[in-house]
């Protein structure tokens, strides 16, 4: 029997008695352990057992034996699955139709035949004292068939040619708006773009496409491709828990998620999706002035205190426990117990977006945090990835 990750019936009062082999690790390892849990807690138990690589067998329901635990060698528990004991099906409530990956729009417009969008807004997202340059650019998509959902990206082909006289190659940017656009009237898409700046042979060089976008004026026409991407999609479950790690403009897809969850106009537009889970954003920035969409995030904290949590890591203004600069991985270590308590819930998804350099630090922090709970992160992370609960988009 496969236990669904969807909502369970609140009226199901059955209790399940299970035997778990090899519970725990190291000195705490035990040969077997017998537990009795209500139906509503069965999914969480299965997930915890699966993540630890233990073995589980259900032996009775409401005290009625199904099979003796010695009757067969219990099989390792896979994601959301039980050993092959047949159980009476519980009544399940009507479910809303979920968007499958096959339904996600992909490559509606390709580089050889891009959509021509019109710039309708372009403004700075930074305040005085910030480092660098970050703009929000919004395009009008009317007159075509370019549509998307949260977590996807679009390609931009900048005007002009390279040093060899060839058309510039497209660059991909994570979409920062919901499928309905910032005006919630459909037909627009917004990007959060940082102007790339680096030094080469003693000269300051600016990125071609990022500079093109930051400098672009209202009314300009832009070649757009896509959308692309299925890695960063939100689960359709309104009760899902969402943990988000972002640095800089990596907040773009997180901004789309949070608007879909908490913006009043979005909630009115989407009666079929009324987020009721927990959303926890870890945001990294060099300075407070570099935090993006801060007013909106503070409003969500005020309006949805039970559903939204916001943890910042300001590297040039805060110190970690060792006296060094404060980064996201330091905040992960500080909150390790709560993070892993959430991850043990099969309804929890983790999203990471930003510079590729953030991955090793977070991976190191998760390794240490997992080890403190007797878990092996090198084994746990692939399991989460396979279950489509660990989502990473770095560049």
Protein backbone atom coordinates (compact mmCIF):
# COMPACT_ATOMS: atom_id res chain seq x y z
CA UNK A 1 0.00 0.00 0.00
CA UNK A 2 1.27 3.47 -0.89
CA UNK A 3 0.46 6.25 1.54
CA UNK A 4 -0.43 9.43 -0.32
CA UNK A 5 1.40 12.64 0.49
CA UNK A 6 -1.88 14.49 0.13
CA UNK A 7 -4.28 15.42 2.91
CA UNK A 8 -5.54 12.55 5.04
CA UNK A 9 -9.03 12.26 6.28
CA UNK A 10 -9.45 13.88 9.65
CA UNK A 11 -12.19 11.35 10.48
CA UNK A 12 -9.87 8.31 10.18
CA UNK A 13 -9.40 7.16 13.78
CA UNK A 14 -7.53 3.93 13.08
CA UNK A 15 -4.34 3.10 14.95
CA UNK A 16 -1.44 1.17 13.42
CA UNK A 17 1.06 -0.98 15.27
CA UNK A 18 4.40 -1.20 13.50
CA UNK A 19 7.75 -2.89 14.05
CA UNK A 20 10.88 -0.95 13.07
CA UNK A 21 14.22 -2.71 12.66
CA UNK A 22 17.53 -0.93 13.23
CA UNK A 23 16.06 2.27 14.61
CA UNK A 24 18.73 4.88 15.32
CA UNK A 25 22.42 4.97 14.56
CA UNK A 26 25.69 4.38 16.37
CA UNK A 27 25.42 3.57 20.04
CA UNK A 28 21.70 4.30 20.05
CA UNK A 29 20.97 1.60 17.43
CA UNK A 30 18.36 -0.94 18.55
CA UNK A 31 17.49 -4.23 16.91
CA UNK A 32 13.74 -3.64 16.90
CA UNK A 33 11.16 -1.25 18.25
CA UNK A 34 7.38 -1.51 18.29
CA UNK A 35 5.21 1.61 18.03
CA UNK A 36 1.49 2.32 17.92
CA UNK A 37 0.53 5.49 16.03
CA UNK A 38 -2.73 7.05 14.81
CA UNK A 39 -3.37 7.15 11.08
CA UNK A 40 -2.68 10.91 10.96
CA UNK A 41 0.91 10.33 12.17
CA UNK A 42 1.66 7.33 9.97
CA UNK A 43 2.97 9.37 7.03
CA UNK A 44 5.45 11.29 9.19
CA UNK A 45 6.70 8.04 10.71
CA UNK A 46 7.15 6.44 7.30
CA UNK A 47 9.13 9.44 6.08
CA UNK A 48 11.40 9.40 9.13
CA UNK A 49 12.05 5.68 8.73
CA UNK A 50 12.72 6.08 5.00
CA UNK A 51 15.23 8.87 5.55
CA UNK A 52 17.12 6.77 8.10
CA UNK A 53 17.19 3.70 5.84
CA UNK A 54 15.51 1.53 8.50
CA UNK A 55 12.97 -1.24 7.96
CA UNK A 56 9.31 -1.12 8.86
CA UNK A 57 6.45 -3.62 8.95
CA UNK A 58 2.82 -2.95 9.90
CA UNK A 59 1.54 -5.82 12.02
CA UNK A 60 -1.90 -4.67 13.15
CA UNK A 61 -4.66 -2.12 12.57
CA UNK A 62 -6.88 -1.21 15.52
CA UNK A 63 -5.35 -4.13 17.37
CA UNK A 64 -6.29 -6.67 14.68
CA UNK A 65 -3.16 -8.55 13.55
CA UNK A 66 -2.28 -8.61 9.85
CA UNK A 67 0.77 -10.82 10.02
CA UNK A 68 3.38 -11.84 12.55
CA UNK A 69 6.49 -9.71 12.33
CA UNK A 70 8.63 -12.83 11.98
CA UNK A 71 6.63 -14.12 9.02
CA UNK A 72 8.78 -12.38 6.43
CA UNK A 73 11.91 -10.29 6.23
CA UNK A 74 10.67 -6.69 6.25
CA UNK A 75 11.74 -4.67 3.22
CA UNK A 76 13.48 -1.29 3.37
CA UNK A 77 10.95 1.51 3.37
CA UNK A 78 10.98 3.58 0.17
CA UNK A 79 9.69 7.13 -0.13
CA UNK A 80 6.11 7.07 1.16
CA UNK A 81 5.76 3.28 0.79
CA UNK A 82 5.02 0.46 3.24
CA UNK A 83 6.07 -3.19 3.06
CA UNK A 84 3.73 -5.29 0.96
CA UNK A 85 1.10 -5.78 3.63
CA UNK A 86 -2.37 -5.19 2.22
CA UNK A 87 -4.30 -2.71 4.36
CA UNK A 88 -7.93 -1.66 4.12
CA UNK A 89 -8.10 1.61 2.25
CA UNK A 90 -9.06 4.66 4.25
CA UNK A 91 -11.75 6.94 2.89
CA UNK A 92 -10.04 9.79 1.02
CA UNK A 93 -11.48 13.26 0.51
CA UNK A 94 -11.99 14.71 -2.93
CA UNK A 95 -8.71 16.13 -4.23
CA UNK A 96 -8.10 19.12 -6.42
CA UNK A 97 -6.55 18.45 -9.80
CA UNK A 98 -2.79 18.92 -9.44
CA UNK A 99 -0.62 20.44 -12.12
CA UNK A 100 1.69 17.72 -13.39
CA UNK A 101 5.07 18.32 -14.99
CA UNK A 102 3.54 17.37 -18.33
CA UNK A 103 1.18 20.36 -18.00
CA UNK A 104 3.99 22.88 -17.50
CA UNK A 105 4.62 25.16 -20.52
CA UNK A 106 8.13 24.73 -21.91
CA UNK A 107 9.91 26.31 -24.90
CA UNK A 108 6.87 28.05 -26.32
CA UNK A 109 9.31 30.45 -28.00
CA UNK A 110 12.78 29.44 -29.18
CA UNK A 111 15.87 31.50 -30.09
CA UNK A 112 15.21 31.27 -33.83
CA UNK A 113 11.70 32.63 -33.38
CA UNK A 114 11.55 34.56 -30.08
CA UNK A 115 8.61 36.42 -28.65
CA UNK A 116 8.95 40.20 -28.92
CA UNK A 117 7.99 41.71 -25.57
CA UNK A 118 7.66 45.38 -24.66
CA UNK A 119 9.29 46.89 -21.56
CA UNK A 120 6.62 48.51 -19.40
CA UNK A 121 8.69 49.13 -16.25
CA UNK A 122 12.33 49.25 -15.17
CA UNK A 123 13.41 50.53 -11.76
CA UNK A 124 16.08 50.00 -9.12
CA UNK A 125 15.35 47.63 -6.24
CA UNK A 126 18.16 49.00 -4.06
CA UNK A 127 18.24 51.81 -1.53
CA UNK A 128 21.02 54.25 -0.70
CA UNK A 129 24.14 52.54 0.60
CA UNK A 130 23.70 49.32 -1.35
CA UNK A 131 26.46 47.64 -3.32
CA UNK A 132 26.10 47.23 -7.07
CA UNK A 133 23.04 47.63 -9.22
CA UNK A 134 19.83 45.55 -9.17
CA UNK A 135 16.72 46.38 -11.21
CA UNK A 136 13.26 44.98 -11.67
CA UNK A 137 12.19 44.86 -15.33
CA UNK A 138 8.63 44.04 -16.41
CA UNK A 139 7.59 43.04 -19.93
CA UNK A 140 4.20 43.11 -21.62
CA UNK A 141 3.44 39.68 -23.11
CA UNK A 142 0.20 40.54 -24.87
CA UNK A 143 -0.18 39.57 -28.50
CA UNK A 144 1.39 36.14 -28.10
CA UNK A 145 1.22 32.83 -26.28
CA UNK A 146 4.07 33.24 -23.79
CA UNK A 147 2.84 32.05 -20.40
CA UNK A 148 4.57 30.43 -17.44
CA UNK A 149 4.20 29.30 -13.85
CA UNK A 150 6.14 30.08 -10.67
CA UNK A 151 9.66 28.66 -10.56
CA UNK A 152 10.38 28.86 -14.28
CA UNK A 153 12.85 31.02 -16.24
CA UNK A 154 12.82 32.94 -19.51
CA UNK A 155 15.64 33.70 -21.91
CA UNK A 156 16.61 37.19 -23.03
CA UNK A 157 18.53 37.83 -26.26
CA UNK A 158 20.23 41.24 -25.93
CA UNK A 159 20.38 43.56 -28.91
CA UNK A 160 23.57 43.91 -30.89
CA UNK A 161 26.38 41.54 -31.83
CA UNK A 162 29.51 40.16 -30.19
CA UNK A 163 33.14 40.80 -31.15
CA UNK A 164 32.80 38.33 -34.00
CA UNK A 165 29.74 40.03 -35.44
CA UNK A 166 27.37 37.28 -34.30
CA UNK A 167 24.11 37.82 -32.48
CA UNK A 168 24.51 37.67 -28.70
CA UNK A 169 23.56 34.40 -27.07
CA UNK A 170 20.54 34.33 -24.80
CA UNK A 171 20.84 34.47 -21.01
CA UNK A 172 18.37 32.78 -18.70
CA UNK A 173 16.75 34.66 -15.80
CA UNK A 174 14.53 33.30 -13.04
CA UNK A 175 11.04 34.77 -13.19
CA UNK A 176 10.20 36.98 -10.21
CA UNK A 177 6.44 37.27 -10.80
CA UNK A 178 3.56 34.86 -10.44
CA UNK A 179 1.81 33.44 -13.49
CA UNK A 180 -0.64 36.35 -13.23
CA UNK A 181 2.05 39.04 -13.31
CA UNK A 182 2.66 41.78 -10.77
CA UNK A 183 -0.59 43.49 -11.72
CA UNK A 184 -2.45 40.15 -11.29
CA UNK A 185 -4.14 40.79 -14.64
CA UNK A 186 -2.14 38.20 -16.63
CA UNK A 187 0.01 39.04 -19.64
CA UNK A 188 3.20 40.35 -17.99
CA UNK A 189 6.43 38.89 -16.62
CA UNK A 190 8.99 40.44 -14.27
CA UNK A 191 12.70 39.79 -13.77
CA UNK A 192 15.08 40.71 -10.94
CA UNK A 193 18.44 41.48 -12.57
CA UNK A 194 21.81 42.33 -11.05
CA UNK A 195 24.29 44.03 -13.35
CA UNK A 196 27.25 41.67 -13.62
CA UNK A 197 30.54 43.43 -12.91
CA UNK A 198 34.01 41.91 -12.80
CA UNK A 199 37.64 42.82 -13.41
CA UNK A 200 39.58 41.51 -16.40
CA UNK A 201 43.16 42.49 -17.18
CA UNK A 202 42.86 45.50 -14.89
CA UNK A 203 39.66 46.73 -16.51
CA UNK A 204 36.12 46.71 -15.08
CA UNK A 205 33.84 44.68 -17.34
CA UNK A 206 30.04 44.68 -17.22
CA UNK A 207 27.88 41.76 -18.28
CA UNK A 208 26.36 42.13 -21.75
CA UNK A 209 22.80 41.05 -21.07
CA UNK A 210 22.51 42.28 -17.48
CA UNK A 211 23.69 45.75 -18.53
CA UNK A 212 21.35 45.68 -21.53
CA UNK A 213 18.42 44.98 -19.21
CA UNK A 214 19.35 47.42 -16.45
CA UNK A 215 19.77 50.20 -19.02
CA UNK A 216 16.70 49.42 -21.12
CA UNK A 217 14.00 52.05 -21.41
CA UNK A 218 10.23 51.74 -21.25
CA UNK A 219 8.70 50.97 -24.61
CA UNK A 220 11.75 49.08 -25.88
CA UNK A 221 11.24 45.76 -27.66
CA UNK A 222 13.02 42.68 -26.32
CA UNK A 223 13.53 39.17 -27.70
CA UNK A 224 12.26 36.63 -25.17
CA UNK A 225 12.45 32.81 -25.24
CA UNK A 226 11.00 30.06 -23.08
CA UNK A 227 9.73 29.51 -20.58
CA UNK A 228 12.01 26.73 -19.34
CA UNK A 229 12.47 24.72 -16.17
CA UNK A 230 10.66 22.17 -14.04
CA UNK A 231 13.20 21.91 -11.22
CA UNK A 232 11.87 24.78 -9.07
CA UNK A 233 8.11 24.25 -9.29
CA UNK A 234 5.99 24.66 -6.17
CA UNK A 235 4.02 21.64 -4.99
CA UNK A 236 0.26 22.09 -5.49
CA UNK A 237 -0.46 21.09 -1.89
CA UNK A 238 -1.74 24.10 0.06
CA UNK A 239 -0.49 22.54 3.30
CA UNK A 240 3.08 22.02 2.09
CA UNK A 241 5.99 23.49 4.02
CA UNK A 242 8.50 25.51 1.99
CA UNK A 243 12.07 26.21 3.14
CA UNK A 244 13.90 28.72 0.91
CA UNK A 245 17.62 29.54 0.75
CA UNK A 246 18.41 32.59 -1.40
CA UNK A 247 21.26 35.02 -1.96
CA UNK A 248 21.01 38.26 -3.96
CA UNK A 249 18.82 37.98 -7.03
CA UNK A 250 18.30 34.31 -6.16
CA UNK A 251 15.26 35.64 -4.35
CA UNK A 252 13.48 35.97 -7.72
CA UNK A 253 11.63 32.62 -7.69
CA UNK A 254 11.08 32.91 -3.91
CA UNK A 255 9.41 36.25 -4.49
CA UNK A 256 7.04 34.57 -6.97
CA UNK A 257 6.26 31.80 -4.46
CA UNK A 258 5.60 34.24 -1.63
CA UNK A 259 3.37 36.46 -3.74
CA UNK A 260 1.32 33.44 -4.75
CA UNK A 261 1.06 32.42 -1.10
CA UNK A 262 0.42 35.73 0.62
CA UNK A 263 -0.52 38.62 -1.70
CA UNK A 264 -4.23 39.40 -1.14
CA UNK A 265 -4.87 39.95 -4.86
CA UNK A 266 -3.20 36.63 -5.67
CA UNK A 267 -5.22 34.75 -3.07
CA UNK A 268 -8.40 36.28 -4.47
CA UNK A 269 -7.33 35.28 -7.97
CA UNK A 270 -6.59 31.70 -6.95
CA UNK A 271 -9.43 30.32 -4.81
CA UNK A 272 -8.13 26.83 -5.56
CA UNK A 273 -4.79 27.64 -3.88
CA UNK A 274 -4.96 29.15 -0.40
CA UNK A 275 -1.59 28.45 1.17
CA UNK A 276 -1.89 27.22 4.76
CA UNK A 277 1.53 25.64 5.35
CA UNK A 278 4.76 27.07 6.71
CA UNK A 279 7.10 29.16 4.52
CA UNK A 280 10.58 29.92 5.87
CA UNK A 281 12.91 32.21 3.89
CA UNK A 282 16.66 32.35 4.60
CA UNK A 283 18.00 35.41 2.78
CA UNK A 284 21.65 36.33 2.35
CA UNK A 285 22.94 39.80 1.40
CA UNK A 286 26.18 41.76 1.90
CA UNK A 287 24.41 44.75 3.47
CA UNK A 288 20.93 45.55 4.75
CA UNK A 289 20.58 48.01 1.86
CA UNK A 290 20.96 45.06 -0.53
CA UNK A 291 17.93 43.18 0.78
CA UNK A 292 15.34 42.95 -2.00
CA UNK A 293 11.55 43.28 -1.70
CA UNK A 294 11.95 44.00 2.00
CA UNK A 295 8.71 45.97 2.37
CA UNK A 296 6.68 43.10 0.95
CA UNK A 297 8.41 40.55 3.16
CA UNK A 298 7.78 42.61 6.29
CA UNK A 299 4.13 42.91 5.30
CA UNK A 300 3.83 39.13 4.95
CA UNK A 301 5.34 38.74 8.42
CA UNK A 302 2.70 41.06 9.83
CA UNK A 303 -0.25 39.62 7.92
CA UNK A 304 0.67 35.91 8.12
CA UNK A 305 2.69 35.45 11.34
CA UNK A 306 1.67 31.79 11.64
CA UNK A 307 2.69 30.92 8.09
CA UNK A 308 5.77 32.99 7.24
CA UNK A 309 9.20 33.16 8.85
CA UNK A 310 12.10 35.28 7.63
CA UNK A 311 15.75 34.77 8.66
CA UNK A 312 18.46 37.09 7.32
CA UNK A 313 22.22 36.70 7.01
CA UNK A 314 23.91 40.06 6.42
CA UNK A 315 27.55 39.18 5.79
CA UNK A 316 29.16 42.63 6.15
CA UNK A 317 27.12 43.72 9.15
CA UNK A 318 26.69 40.58 11.28
CA UNK A 319 29.08 38.07 12.80
CA UNK A 320 28.59 34.35 13.23
CA UNK A 321 29.32 32.39 16.41
CA UNK A 322 33.03 32.17 15.51
CA UNK A 323 33.36 35.91 14.94
CA UNK A 324 33.46 35.67 11.16
CA UNK A 325 31.03 37.03 8.63
CA UNK A 326 27.44 35.81 8.86
CA UNK A 327 26.32 33.70 5.89
CA UNK A 328 23.28 31.56 5.19
CA UNK A 329 25.11 28.39 6.21
CA UNK A 330 25.63 29.91 9.67
CA UNK A 331 21.91 30.49 10.01
CA UNK A 332 21.30 26.90 8.92
CA UNK A 333 23.52 25.65 11.74
CA UNK A 334 21.75 27.90 14.24
CA UNK A 335 18.35 26.52 13.23
CA UNK A 336 19.39 22.94 12.44
CA UNK A 337 16.95 21.22 14.80
CA UNK A 338 13.92 23.08 13.43
CA UNK A 339 15.04 22.64 9.81
CA UNK A 340 15.40 18.90 10.18
CA UNK A 341 12.17 18.57 12.11
CA UNK A 342 10.49 20.14 9.07
CA UNK A 343 12.41 17.99 6.58
CA UNK A 344 11.23 14.84 8.33
CA UNK A 345 7.71 15.87 7.35
CA UNK A 346 7.01 14.51 3.81
CA UNK A 347 5.13 17.71 3.02
CA UNK A 348 8.30 19.82 3.30
CA UNK A 349 10.18 21.05 0.21
CA UNK A 350 13.53 22.88 0.16
CA UNK A 351 14.48 25.44 -2.51
CA UNK A 352 17.89 27.00 -3.12
CA UNK A 353 18.64 29.77 -5.62
CA UNK A 354 21.59 32.12 -6.06
CA UNK A 355 25.28 32.02 -6.89
CA UNK A 356 26.71 28.51 -7.21
CA UNK A 357 29.23 29.39 -4.53
CA UNK A 358 26.49 29.18 -1.88
CA UNK A 359 26.04 25.43 -2.38
CA UNK A 360 29.20 24.12 -0.64
CA UNK A 361 28.58 26.21 2.46
CA UNK A 362 24.98 25.12 2.81
CA UNK A 363 25.93 21.51 2.06
CA UNK A 364 28.57 21.65 4.79
CA UNK A 365 26.08 23.12 7.25
CA UNK A 366 23.45 20.52 6.40
CA UNK A 367 26.06 17.76 6.80
CA UNK A 368 26.94 18.95 10.28
CA UNK A 369 23.31 19.48 11.23
CA UNK A 370 22.36 16.02 9.97
CA UNK A 371 25.26 14.37 11.80
CA UNK A 372 24.11 15.98 15.05
CA UNK A 373 20.83 14.09 14.61
CA UNK A 374 22.53 10.83 13.68
CA UNK A 375 21.80 11.21 9.96
CA UNK A 376 24.05 10.98 6.93
CA UNK A 377 23.44 14.00 4.70
CA UNK A 378 25.27 12.37 1.76
CA UNK A 379 22.57 9.69 1.79
CA UNK A 380 19.66 11.89 2.79
CA UNK A 381 20.02 14.58 0.13
CA UNK A 382 19.71 12.19 -2.88
CA UNK A 383 16.62 10.69 -1.27
CA UNK A 384 15.05 14.15 -0.96
CA UNK A 385 16.05 14.90 -4.56
CA UNK A 386 14.50 11.66 -5.80
CA UNK A 387 11.31 12.49 -3.92
CA UNK A 388 11.25 15.90 -5.68
CA UNK A 389 11.59 17.71 -2.37
CA UNK A 390 15.09 19.21 -2.83
CA UNK A 391 15.18 21.92 -5.53
CA UNK A 392 18.35 23.76 -6.57
CA UNK A 393 18.95 26.42 -9.22
CA UNK A 394 22.34 28.11 -8.97
CA UNK A 395 24.52 29.91 -11.50
